[in-house]
Amino acid sequence: MKLTIRKSINTVVKMSLEETDWATWDFMQWFVKEQVEEETLAMNLLDKLKIAASETVGDNYILIGQRPRQST
């Protein structure tokens, strides 16, 4: 889905450059910026999930929102 959106945005931006339609090009820059921010946010979240999934305490994996079990 996100790749389809990115391709669509890029297509419109490219067309606006080819047609020298600067008003459209300028308008589309907001969408480009938002798409970059969304993709960066998603990648950062995935990186954090990978780190959280790989951290262990003893034989117990730490899951987001869970505390390691106390040995009794």
C-alpha atoms as a PDB file:
ATOM      1  CA  MET A   1       0.000   0.000   0.000  1.00  0.00           C
ATOM      2  CA  LYS A   2       2.673   2.524   1.013  1.00  0.00           C
ATOM      3  CA  LEU A   3       4.737   1.683  -2.073  1.00  0.00           C
ATOM      4  CA  THR A   4       1.708   2.300  -4.274  1.00  0.00           C
ATOM      5  CA  ILE A   5       1.154   5.673  -2.622  1.00  0.00           C
ATOM      6  CA  ARG A   6       4.825   6.588  -3.020  1.00  0.00           C
ATOM      7  CA  LYS A   7       4.780   5.606  -6.702  1.00  0.00           C
ATOM      8  CA  SER A   8       1.630   7.640  -7.289  1.00  0.00           C
ATOM      9  CA  ILE A   9       3.109  10.710  -5.615  1.00  0.00           C
ATOM     10  CA  ASN A  10       6.346  10.330  -7.563  1.00  0.00           C
ATOM     11  CA  THR A  11       4.405  10.021 -10.824  1.00  0.00           C
ATOM     12  CA  VAL A  12       2.539  13.268 -10.218  1.00  0.00           C
ATOM     13  CA  VAL A  13       5.731  15.073  -9.167  1.00  0.00           C
ATOM     14  CA  LYS A  14       7.545  13.841 -12.290  1.00  0.00           C
ATOM     15  CA  MET A  15       4.645  14.886 -14.528  1.00  0.00           C
ATOM     16  CA  SER A  16       4.557  18.334 -12.948  1.00  0.00           C
ATOM     17  CA  LEU A  17       8.282  18.762 -13.631  1.00  0.00           C
ATOM     18  CA  GLU A  18       7.935  17.603 -17.247  1.00  0.00           C
ATOM     19  CA  GLU A  19       5.030  19.990 -17.793  1.00  0.00           C
ATOM     20  CA  THR A  20       6.753  22.798 -15.864  1.00  0.00           C
ATOM     21  CA  ASP A  21       3.646  23.014 -13.707  1.00  0.00           C
ATOM     22  CA  TRP A  22       5.328  24.650 -10.739  1.00  0.00           C
ATOM     23  CA  ALA A  23       2.132  25.187  -8.770  1.00  0.00           C
ATOM     24  CA  THR A  24       1.419  21.438  -8.784  1.00  0.00           C
ATOM     25  CA  TRP A  25       5.068  20.609  -8.093  1.00  0.00           C
ATOM     26  CA  ASP A  26       5.081  22.965  -5.105  1.00  0.00           C
ATOM     27  CA  PHE A  27       1.764  21.577  -3.835  1.00  0.00           C
ATOM     28  CA  MET A  28       3.048  17.989  -4.130  1.00  0.00           C
ATOM     29  CA  GLN A  29       6.112  18.730  -1.999  1.00  0.00           C
ATOM     30  CA  TRP A  30       3.896  18.569   1.089  1.00  0.00           C
ATOM     31  CA  PHE A  31       2.896  15.011   0.136  1.00  0.00           C
ATOM     32  CA  VAL A  32       6.518  14.069  -0.541  1.00  0.00           C
ATOM     33  CA  LYS A  33       7.553  15.390   2.878  1.00  0.00           C
ATOM     34  CA  GLU A  34       4.699  13.558   4.620  1.00  0.00           C
ATOM     35  CA  GLN A  35       5.528  10.306   2.833  1.00  0.00           C
ATOM     36  CA  VAL A  36       9.189  10.545   3.853  1.00  0.00           C
ATOM     37  CA  GLU A  37       8.184  11.204   7.466  1.00  0.00           C
ATOM     38  CA  GLU A  38       5.756   8.243   7.467  1.00  0.00           C
ATOM     39  CA  GLU A  39       8.360   5.883   6.009  1.00  0.00           C
ATOM     40  CA  THR A  40      11.005   7.086   8.479  1.00  0.00           C
ATOM     41  CA  LEU A  41       8.616   6.592  11.390  1.00  0.00           C
ATOM     42  CA  ALA A  42       7.740   3.086  10.215  1.00  0.00           C
ATOM     43  CA  MET A  43      11.400   2.117   9.768  1.00  0.00           C
ATOM     44  CA  ASN A  44      12.313   3.466  13.222  1.00  0.00           C
ATOM     45  CA  LEU A  45       9.465   1.506  14.781  1.00  0.00           C
ATOM     46  CA  LEU A  46      10.567  -1.682  13.028  1.00  0.00           C
ATOM     47  CA  ASP A  47      14.147  -1.134  14.235  1.00  0.00           C
ATOM     48  CA  LYS A  48      12.933  -0.752  17.826  1.00  0.00           C
ATOM     49  CA  LEU A  49      10.818  -3.893  17.548  1.00  0.00           C
ATOM     50  CA  LYS A  50      13.800  -5.853  16.236  1.00  0.00           C
ATOM     51  CA  ILE A  51      15.943  -4.645  19.128  1.00  0.00           C
ATOM     52  CA  ALA A  52      13.228  -5.421  21.679  1.00  0.00           C
ATOM     53  CA  ALA A  53      12.693  -8.889  20.210  1.00  0.00           C
ATOM     54  CA  SER A  54      16.395  -9.711  20.367  1.00  0.00           C
ATOM     55  CA  GLU A  55      16.983  -8.687  23.990  1.00  0.00           C
ATOM     56  CA  THR A  56      16.876 -11.518  26.470  1.00  0.00           C
ATOM     57  CA  VAL A  57      17.070 -11.899  30.217  1.00  0.00           C
ATOM     58  CA  GLY A  58      18.177 -15.388  31.113  1.00  0.00           C
ATOM     59  CA  ASP A  59      15.945 -17.733  29.153  1.00  0.00           C
ATOM     60  CA  ASN A  60      13.033 -15.278  29.005  1.00  0.00           C
ATOM     61  CA  TYR A  61      12.496 -12.977  26.053  1.00  0.00           C
ATOM     62  CA  ILE A  62      11.460  -9.446  26.835  1.00  0.00           C
ATOM     63  CA  LEU A  63       8.299  -8.504  24.972  1.00  0.00           C
ATOM     64  CA  ILE A  64       7.088  -4.967  24.683  1.00  0.00           C
ATOM     65  CA  GLY A  65       5.095  -4.069  27.768  1.00  0.00           C
ATOM     66  CA  GLN A  66       6.139  -7.134  29.747  1.00  0.00           C
ATOM     67  CA  ARG A  67       8.514  -7.326  32.639  1.00  0.00           C
ATOM     68  CA  PRO A  68      10.925 -10.226  32.981  1.00  0.00           C
ATOM     69  CA  ARG A  69       9.600 -12.940  35.278  1.00  0.00           C
ATOM     70  CA  GLN A  70      11.156 -13.042  38.704  1.00  0.00           C
ATOM     71  CA  SER A  71      12.710 -16.350  39.645  1.00  0.00           C
ATOM     72  CA  THR A  72      11.281 -17.726  42.886  1.00  0.00           C
END
